[in-house]
Amino acid sequence: MKKIADILLKIFAVGIIACLFAGALSLVGYIAALIIGGETATSLCAWIFKSYFPWVIKATSVFTGIGLIGMYLGKQKALTATVEKNEEK
């Protein structure tokens, strides 16, 4: 199970980094639309909002699910609110 968890966590890491870059790319598109102006800018912003963002959000959701499954299989408790006591030696 540890090997499967490690593979899933690597997929999660690469996927989330790709989604972050995809989000940054949308910012570049909006800045380009601001510079271009006019009807072209309107159509570019509409395409980013209606076609590009849903794809990025779905991909992010899938990779987040993969990461959660990887943490569950690896028995990591990253999402708990408990405080561990430090043992003195």
Protein backbone atom coordinates (compact mmCIF):
# COMPACT_ATOMS: atom_id res chain seq x y z
CA MET A 1 0.00 0.00 0.00
CA LYS A 2 2.90 2.36 0.69
CA LYS A 3 4.10 2.19 -2.92
CA ILE A 4 0.62 2.92 -4.25
CA ALA A 5 0.28 5.83 -1.83
CA ASP A 6 3.65 7.24 -2.94
CA ILE A 7 2.67 7.00 -6.61
CA LEU A 8 -0.67 8.70 -5.94
CA LEU A 9 1.02 11.49 -3.99
CA LYS A 10 3.49 12.07 -6.83
CA ILE A 11 0.60 12.25 -9.31
CA PHE A 12 -1.12 14.68 -6.95
CA ALA A 13 1.95 16.89 -6.69
CA VAL A 14 2.57 17.07 -10.43
CA GLY A 15 -1.13 17.60 -11.17
CA ILE A 16 -1.58 20.41 -8.67
CA ILE A 17 1.54 22.17 -9.96
CA ALA A 18 0.15 21.91 -13.50
CA CYS A 19 -3.17 23.35 -12.30
CA LEU A 20 -1.37 26.25 -10.60
CA PHE A 21 0.41 27.04 -13.85
CA ALA A 22 -2.91 26.78 -15.70
CA GLY A 23 -4.40 29.32 -13.31
CA ALA A 24 -1.45 31.63 -13.88
CA LEU A 25 -1.94 31.23 -17.61
CA SER A 26 -5.49 32.52 -17.23
CA LEU A 27 -4.10 35.62 -15.54
CA VAL A 28 -1.86 36.15 -18.56
CA GLY A 29 -4.94 35.85 -20.77
CA TYR A 30 -6.79 38.48 -18.76
CA ILE A 31 -3.81 40.84 -18.87
CA ALA A 32 -3.56 40.34 -22.64
CA ALA A 33 -7.29 41.10 -22.94
CA LEU A 34 -6.80 44.26 -20.91
CA ILE A 35 -4.07 45.39 -23.30
CA ILE A 36 -5.97 44.38 -26.46
CA GLY A 37 -9.34 45.86 -25.53
CA GLY A 38 -12.49 45.92 -27.62
CA GLU A 39 -14.57 42.98 -28.83
CA THR A 40 -11.52 40.72 -29.04
CA ALA A 41 -10.85 41.20 -25.33
CA THR A 42 -14.48 40.50 -24.53
CA SER A 43 -14.46 37.25 -26.47
CA LEU A 44 -11.12 36.22 -24.93
CA CYS A 45 -12.39 36.84 -21.39
CA ALA A 46 -15.64 35.01 -22.14
CA TRP A 47 -13.70 32.01 -23.49
CA ILE A 48 -11.44 31.92 -20.44
CA PHE A 49 -14.40 32.11 -18.07
CA LYS A 50 -16.77 29.71 -19.88
CA SER A 51 -14.40 27.14 -21.37
CA TYR A 52 -11.01 27.32 -19.68
CA PHE A 53 -11.90 27.80 -15.99
CA PRO A 54 -14.28 24.82 -15.77
CA TRP A 55 -11.55 22.56 -17.17
CA VAL A 56 -9.00 23.86 -14.64
CA ILE A 57 -11.46 23.50 -11.75
CA LYS A 58 -12.35 19.92 -12.73
CA ALA A 59 -8.68 18.97 -13.07
CA THR A 60 -7.90 20.50 -9.69
CA SER A 61 -10.76 18.56 -8.10
CA VAL A 62 -9.56 15.29 -9.61
CA PHE A 63 -5.98 15.80 -8.45
CA THR A 64 -7.13 16.81 -4.98
CA GLY A 65 -9.15 13.59 -4.77
CA ILE A 66 -6.10 11.60 -5.85
CA GLY A 67 -4.05 13.32 -3.14
CA LEU A 68 -6.63 12.54 -0.47
CA ILE A 69 -6.75 8.89 -1.52
CA GLY A 70 -2.95 8.79 -1.43
CA MET A 71 -2.93 10.23 2.09
CA TYR A 72 -5.57 7.76 3.20
CA LEU A 73 -3.66 4.78 1.79
CA GLY A 74 -0.39 6.07 3.26
CA LYS A 75 -2.09 6.50 6.65
CA GLN A 76 -1.02 10.13 6.86
CA LYS A 77 -2.98 12.35 9.19
CA ALA A 78 -2.34 15.70 7.58
CA LEU A 79 -5.92 16.92 7.90
CA THR A 80 -6.45 16.31 11.62
CA ALA A 81 -6.68 18.96 14.30
CA THR A 82 -5.02 16.98 17.09
CA VAL A 83 -1.80 18.12 18.71
CA GLU A 84 0.93 15.57 19.25
CA LYS A 85 2.97 15.72 22.43
CA ASN A 86 6.74 15.87 22.10
CA GLU A 87 8.42 13.11 24.00
CA GLU A 88 11.41 14.17 26.09
CA LYS A 89 14.42 11.90 25.97
